[in-house]
N, C-alpha and C. Protein backbone atom coordinates (compact mmCIF):
# COMPACT_ATOMS: atom_id res chain seq x y z
N MET A 1 29.41 39.07 -12.32
CA MET A 1 29.39 39.71 -13.62
C MET A 1 29.55 41.21 -13.41
N ILE A 2 30.18 41.85 -14.34
CA ILE A 2 30.41 43.29 -14.26
C ILE A 2 29.12 44.02 -14.64
N GLU A 3 28.71 44.94 -13.78
CA GLU A 3 27.52 45.73 -14.07
C GLU A 3 27.95 47.07 -14.66
N LEU A 4 27.50 47.34 -15.87
CA LEU A 4 27.83 48.60 -16.53
C LEU A 4 26.56 49.42 -16.70
N SER A 5 26.47 50.48 -15.96
CA SER A 5 25.34 51.39 -16.13
C SER A 5 25.75 52.48 -17.13
N PHE A 6 24.80 53.31 -17.49
CA PHE A 6 25.08 54.37 -18.46
C PHE A 6 26.14 55.33 -17.92
N SER A 7 26.08 55.64 -16.65
CA SER A 7 27.05 56.59 -16.08
C SER A 7 28.46 55.99 -16.10
N LYS A 8 28.59 54.69 -15.85
CA LYS A 8 29.90 54.05 -15.91
C LYS A 8 30.44 54.02 -17.34
N LEU A 9 29.56 53.75 -18.30
CA LEU A 9 29.99 53.77 -19.71
C LEU A 9 30.44 55.16 -20.13
N LEU A 10 29.73 56.18 -19.70
CA LEU A 10 30.09 57.56 -20.02
C LEU A 10 31.44 57.91 -19.41
N LEU A 11 31.67 57.49 -18.18
CA LEU A 11 32.96 57.73 -17.52
C LEU A 11 34.10 57.02 -18.26
N LEU A 12 33.87 55.78 -18.69
CA LEU A 12 34.88 55.05 -19.47
C LEU A 12 35.19 55.76 -20.79
N ALA A 13 34.16 56.28 -21.45
CA ALA A 13 34.35 56.99 -22.72
C ALA A 13 35.19 58.25 -22.51
N VAL A 14 34.92 59.00 -21.45
CA VAL A 14 35.69 60.22 -21.17
C VAL A 14 37.15 59.85 -20.87
N ILE A 15 37.37 58.83 -20.07
CA ILE A 15 38.75 58.42 -19.75
C ILE A 15 39.48 57.96 -21.00
N ALA A 16 38.79 57.17 -21.85
CA ALA A 16 39.40 56.71 -23.10
C ALA A 16 39.73 57.90 -24.00
N LEU A 17 38.86 58.89 -24.07
CA LEU A 17 39.12 60.08 -24.88
C LEU A 17 40.33 60.83 -24.36
N LEU A 18 40.47 60.94 -23.05
CA LEU A 18 41.61 61.65 -22.47
C LEU A 18 42.91 60.87 -22.67
N VAL A 19 42.87 59.55 -22.52
CA VAL A 19 44.09 58.74 -22.62
C VAL A 19 44.52 58.58 -24.07
N LEU A 20 43.59 58.23 -24.95
CA LEU A 20 43.93 57.95 -26.35
C LEU A 20 43.93 59.19 -27.24
N GLY A 21 43.11 60.11 -26.93
CA GLY A 21 43.00 61.30 -27.77
C GLY A 21 41.97 61.07 -28.85
N PRO A 22 41.51 62.16 -29.47
CA PRO A 22 40.46 62.04 -30.49
C PRO A 22 40.91 61.33 -31.77
N GLU A 23 42.23 61.29 -32.06
CA GLU A 23 42.69 60.64 -33.29
C GLU A 23 42.66 59.11 -33.16
N LYS A 24 43.07 58.59 -32.03
CA LYS A 24 43.21 57.14 -31.85
C LYS A 24 41.94 56.48 -31.29
N LEU A 25 41.03 57.26 -30.74
CA LEU A 25 39.84 56.69 -30.09
C LEU A 25 38.96 55.88 -31.07
N PRO A 26 38.65 56.37 -32.28
CA PRO A 26 37.80 55.56 -33.18
C PRO A 26 38.43 54.20 -33.53
N ARG A 27 39.73 54.19 -33.81
CA ARG A 27 40.40 52.94 -34.15
C ARG A 27 40.41 51.99 -32.94
N ALA A 28 40.65 52.52 -31.74
CA ALA A 28 40.63 51.70 -30.53
C ALA A 28 39.23 51.13 -30.28
N ALA A 29 38.20 51.93 -30.54
CA ALA A 29 36.83 51.45 -30.36
C ALA A 29 36.52 50.33 -31.35
N ARG A 30 36.97 50.46 -32.61
CA ARG A 30 36.76 49.40 -33.60
C ARG A 30 37.48 48.12 -33.18
N MET A 31 38.71 48.27 -32.69
CA MET A 31 39.46 47.09 -32.24
C MET A 31 38.77 46.42 -31.05
N ALA A 32 38.29 47.24 -30.12
CA ALA A 32 37.59 46.67 -28.96
C ALA A 32 36.32 45.94 -29.40
N GLY A 33 35.60 46.53 -30.35
CA GLY A 33 34.39 45.88 -30.88
C GLY A 33 34.71 44.57 -31.57
N ALA A 34 35.80 44.56 -32.37
CA ALA A 34 36.20 43.33 -33.06
C ALA A 34 36.62 42.26 -32.06
N MET A 35 37.33 42.66 -31.02
CA MET A 35 37.73 41.69 -30.00
C MET A 35 36.53 41.11 -29.27
N LEU A 36 35.55 41.95 -28.95
CA LEU A 36 34.34 41.46 -28.30
C LEU A 36 33.58 40.51 -29.21
N ARG A 37 33.52 40.84 -30.51
CA ARG A 37 32.86 39.96 -31.48
C ARG A 37 33.53 38.59 -31.51
N ARG A 38 34.87 38.58 -31.57
CA ARG A 38 35.61 37.30 -31.58
C ARG A 38 35.36 36.52 -30.29
N LEU A 39 35.34 37.23 -29.18
CA LEU A 39 35.10 36.58 -27.90
C LEU A 39 33.70 35.95 -27.87
N ARG A 40 32.71 36.67 -28.35
CA ARG A 40 31.34 36.12 -28.38
C ARG A 40 31.25 34.92 -29.31
N LEU A 41 31.86 35.02 -30.50
CA LEU A 41 31.84 33.88 -31.43
C LEU A 41 32.54 32.67 -30.82
N GLY A 42 33.66 32.89 -30.18
CA GLY A 42 34.36 31.79 -29.53
C GLY A 42 33.52 31.15 -28.45
N TRP A 43 32.87 31.98 -27.65
CA TRP A 43 32.02 31.47 -26.59
C TRP A 43 30.85 30.68 -27.17
N GLU A 44 30.24 31.19 -28.25
CA GLU A 44 29.14 30.48 -28.90
C GLU A 44 29.60 29.14 -29.45
N ASN A 45 30.81 29.10 -30.03
CA ASN A 45 31.33 27.84 -30.54
C ASN A 45 31.54 26.83 -29.43
N VAL A 46 32.09 27.29 -28.32
CA VAL A 46 32.30 26.39 -27.17
C VAL A 46 30.97 25.90 -26.64
N ARG A 47 30.01 26.79 -26.49
CA ARG A 47 28.69 26.42 -25.98
C ARG A 47 28.01 25.42 -26.91
N THR A 48 28.08 25.67 -28.21
CA THR A 48 27.48 24.76 -29.19
C THR A 48 28.14 23.38 -29.13
N GLU A 49 29.45 23.35 -29.02
CA GLU A 49 30.17 22.07 -28.95
C GLU A 49 29.80 21.29 -27.68
N VAL A 50 29.68 21.99 -26.57
CA VAL A 50 29.30 21.32 -25.32
C VAL A 50 27.89 20.76 -25.43
N GLU A 51 26.97 21.55 -25.99
CA GLU A 51 25.60 21.07 -26.18
C GLU A 51 25.56 19.85 -27.09
N ARG A 52 26.35 19.88 -28.15
CA ARG A 52 26.41 18.75 -29.08
C ARG A 52 26.93 17.49 -28.37
N GLU A 53 27.96 17.65 -27.55
CA GLU A 53 28.50 16.51 -26.81
C GLU A 53 27.48 15.96 -25.81
N LEU A 54 26.73 16.86 -25.17
CA LEU A 54 25.69 16.41 -24.24
C LEU A 54 24.60 15.64 -24.97
N GLN A 55 24.24 16.09 -26.17
CA GLN A 55 23.25 15.37 -26.97
C GLN A 55 23.76 14.00 -27.37
N VAL A 56 25.03 13.93 -27.77
CA VAL A 56 25.62 12.64 -28.16
C VAL A 56 25.62 11.70 -26.96
N GLU A 57 25.98 12.21 -25.80
CA GLU A 57 25.99 11.38 -24.59
C GLU A 57 24.58 10.91 -24.25
N GLU A 58 23.59 11.76 -24.43
CA GLU A 58 22.19 11.38 -24.18
C GLU A 58 21.76 10.28 -25.14
N ILE A 59 22.17 10.39 -26.40
CA ILE A 59 21.83 9.36 -27.39
C ILE A 59 22.51 8.04 -27.03
N ARG A 60 23.77 8.11 -26.61
CA ARG A 60 24.47 6.88 -26.20
C ARG A 60 23.79 6.23 -25.00
N ARG A 61 23.37 7.04 -24.04
CA ARG A 61 22.70 6.51 -22.86
C ARG A 61 21.38 5.83 -23.26
N ALA A 62 20.63 6.48 -24.15
CA ALA A 62 19.37 5.90 -24.61
C ALA A 62 19.61 4.60 -25.38
N ALA A 63 20.69 4.55 -26.16
CA ALA A 63 21.02 3.33 -26.91
C ALA A 63 21.39 2.20 -25.94
N ARG A 64 22.15 2.52 -24.89
CA ARG A 64 22.48 1.49 -23.90
C ARG A 64 21.23 0.97 -23.21
N GLU A 65 20.31 1.87 -22.85
CA GLU A 65 19.07 1.45 -22.22
C GLU A 65 18.24 0.58 -23.16
N ALA A 66 18.17 0.97 -24.44
CA ALA A 66 17.41 0.20 -25.41
C ALA A 66 18.03 -1.18 -25.59
N ALA A 67 19.36 -1.26 -25.62
CA ALA A 67 20.03 -2.56 -25.75
C ALA A 67 19.75 -3.43 -24.53
N ALA A 68 19.74 -2.83 -23.35
CA ALA A 68 19.44 -3.60 -22.14
C ALA A 68 18.00 -4.11 -22.15
N HIS A 69 17.06 -3.26 -22.60
CA HIS A 69 15.67 -3.70 -22.70
C HIS A 69 15.53 -4.81 -23.74
N ALA A 70 16.23 -4.69 -24.85
CA ALA A 70 16.17 -5.72 -25.89
C ALA A 70 16.73 -7.03 -25.38
N GLU A 71 17.83 -6.97 -24.64
CA GLU A 71 18.42 -8.19 -24.08
C GLU A 71 17.47 -8.84 -23.08
N THR A 72 16.81 -8.03 -22.26
CA THR A 72 15.84 -8.57 -21.30
C THR A 72 14.68 -9.22 -22.04
N ALA A 73 14.18 -8.56 -23.09
CA ALA A 73 13.08 -9.12 -23.87
C ALA A 73 13.51 -10.42 -24.55
N ARG A 74 14.73 -10.46 -25.08
CA ARG A 74 15.23 -11.67 -25.75
C ARG A 74 15.34 -12.81 -24.75
N SER A 75 15.83 -12.53 -23.57
CA SER A 75 15.97 -13.54 -22.54
C SER A 75 14.60 -14.06 -22.11
N THR A 76 13.67 -13.16 -21.90
CA THR A 76 12.31 -13.55 -21.49
C THR A 76 11.65 -14.38 -22.59
N THR A 77 11.82 -13.96 -23.84
CA THR A 77 11.24 -14.70 -24.96
C THR A 77 11.85 -16.08 -25.06
N GLY A 78 13.17 -16.18 -24.87
CA GLY A 78 13.84 -17.47 -24.92
C GLY A 78 13.33 -18.40 -23.82
N ASP A 79 13.17 -17.88 -22.61
CA ASP A 79 12.65 -18.69 -21.51
C ASP A 79 11.22 -19.16 -21.80
N THR A 80 10.40 -18.27 -22.31
CA THR A 80 9.02 -18.62 -22.63
C THR A 80 8.99 -19.68 -23.73
N LEU A 81 9.80 -19.52 -24.75
CA LEU A 81 9.86 -20.48 -25.85
C LEU A 81 10.30 -21.85 -25.34
N ARG A 82 11.28 -21.88 -24.45
CA ARG A 82 11.75 -23.13 -23.86
C ARG A 82 10.62 -23.82 -23.09
N LYS A 83 9.85 -23.06 -22.31
CA LYS A 83 8.74 -23.62 -21.55
C LYS A 83 7.66 -24.16 -22.47
N VAL A 84 7.38 -23.43 -23.56
CA VAL A 84 6.37 -23.89 -24.52
C VAL A 84 6.83 -25.18 -25.18
N ARG A 85 8.10 -25.27 -25.56
CA ARG A 85 8.61 -26.50 -26.18
C ARG A 85 8.50 -27.67 -25.21
N GLU A 86 8.85 -27.43 -23.94
CA GLU A 86 8.73 -28.49 -22.95
C GLU A 86 7.29 -28.94 -22.78
N ALA A 87 6.36 -27.99 -22.77
CA ALA A 87 4.95 -28.32 -22.63
C ALA A 87 4.45 -29.10 -23.84
N VAL A 88 4.85 -28.67 -25.05
CA VAL A 88 4.43 -29.36 -26.27
C VAL A 88 5.02 -30.76 -26.29
N THR A 89 6.28 -30.90 -25.92
CA THR A 89 6.93 -32.20 -25.89
C THR A 89 6.24 -33.10 -24.88
N GLY A 90 5.91 -32.57 -23.73
CA GLY A 90 5.20 -33.35 -22.70
C GLY A 90 3.83 -33.75 -23.16
N THR A 91 3.09 -32.89 -23.81
CA THR A 91 1.76 -33.18 -24.31
C THR A 91 1.81 -34.22 -25.42
N ALA A 92 2.79 -34.10 -26.31
CA ALA A 92 2.93 -35.07 -27.40
C ALA A 92 3.27 -36.44 -26.85
N GLY A 93 4.08 -36.50 -25.80
CA GLY A 93 4.41 -37.78 -25.18
C GLY A 93 3.20 -38.40 -24.51
N ASP A 94 2.31 -37.62 -23.92
CA ASP A 94 1.10 -38.13 -23.28
C ASP A 94 0.10 -38.63 -24.31
N ALA A 95 0.07 -38.05 -25.48
CA ALA A 95 -0.91 -38.40 -26.50
C ALA A 95 -0.50 -39.62 -27.31
N SER A 96 0.75 -40.05 -27.27
CA SER A 96 1.17 -41.22 -28.05
C SER A 96 0.57 -42.48 -27.45
N PRO A 97 0.26 -43.48 -28.31
CA PRO A 97 -0.37 -44.70 -27.79
C PRO A 97 0.56 -45.44 -26.85
N ALA A 98 0.00 -45.99 -25.82
CA ALA A 98 0.78 -46.71 -24.83
C ALA A 98 1.18 -48.06 -25.40
N ALA A 99 2.26 -48.62 -24.94
CA ALA A 99 2.75 -49.90 -25.43
C ALA A 99 1.78 -51.00 -25.05
N GLY A 100 1.41 -51.86 -26.02
CA GLY A 100 0.54 -52.99 -25.76
C GLY A 100 -0.93 -52.64 -25.84
N ALA A 101 -1.31 -51.43 -26.08
CA ALA A 101 -2.72 -51.06 -26.19
C ALA A 101 -3.20 -51.44 -27.58
N PRO A 102 -4.44 -51.91 -27.68
CA PRO A 102 -4.95 -52.28 -29.00
C PRO A 102 -5.11 -51.05 -29.87
N THR A 103 -4.77 -51.23 -31.14
CA THR A 103 -4.90 -50.13 -32.10
C THR A 103 -6.02 -50.46 -33.04
N GLU A 104 -6.67 -49.50 -33.56
CA GLU A 104 -7.78 -49.71 -34.49
C GLU A 104 -7.23 -50.00 -35.86
N LYS A 105 -7.94 -50.94 -36.58
CA LYS A 105 -7.58 -51.26 -37.95
C LYS A 105 -8.57 -50.58 -38.86
N PRO A 106 -8.13 -50.08 -39.97
CA PRO A 106 -9.08 -49.45 -40.89
C PRO A 106 -9.97 -50.51 -41.53
N HIS A 107 -11.18 -50.11 -41.82
CA HIS A 107 -12.18 -51.02 -42.43
C HIS A 107 -12.03 -50.98 -43.93
N ASP A 108 -12.08 -52.22 -44.58
CA ASP A 108 -12.00 -52.30 -46.04
C ASP A 108 -13.35 -52.10 -46.67
N GLY A 109 -14.36 -52.41 -46.00
CA GLY A 109 -15.68 -52.27 -46.55
C GLY A 109 -16.32 -53.62 -46.81
N GLY A 110 -15.68 -54.55 -47.50
CA GLY A 110 -16.35 -55.80 -47.79
C GLY A 110 -15.47 -57.00 -47.57
N ALA A 111 -14.33 -56.92 -47.24
CA ALA A 111 -13.46 -58.07 -47.17
C ALA A 111 -13.41 -58.71 -45.83
């Protein structure tokens, strides 16, 4: 980066006064100021756009991670549900009466 001390700025001002003269120096200084302003605004726009793109990329990365976590959770839940269904089906099959076993008849009370 260019280092400008007060003595260097004073030297530049004297050279500009000698080269441009007192009539053209104010207009040249205004033009230089306007050009620097445009340069700064352009740089700020570029910096802002880059930051915005980085934020968008960060959001996309977080969305991909969230989708991966959701898919893992869905898979785990599906596996657990399948195991529970198998266990319930197995338990229901064990609880059904065996073939040929006597079954109880309801009582009528007096007949």
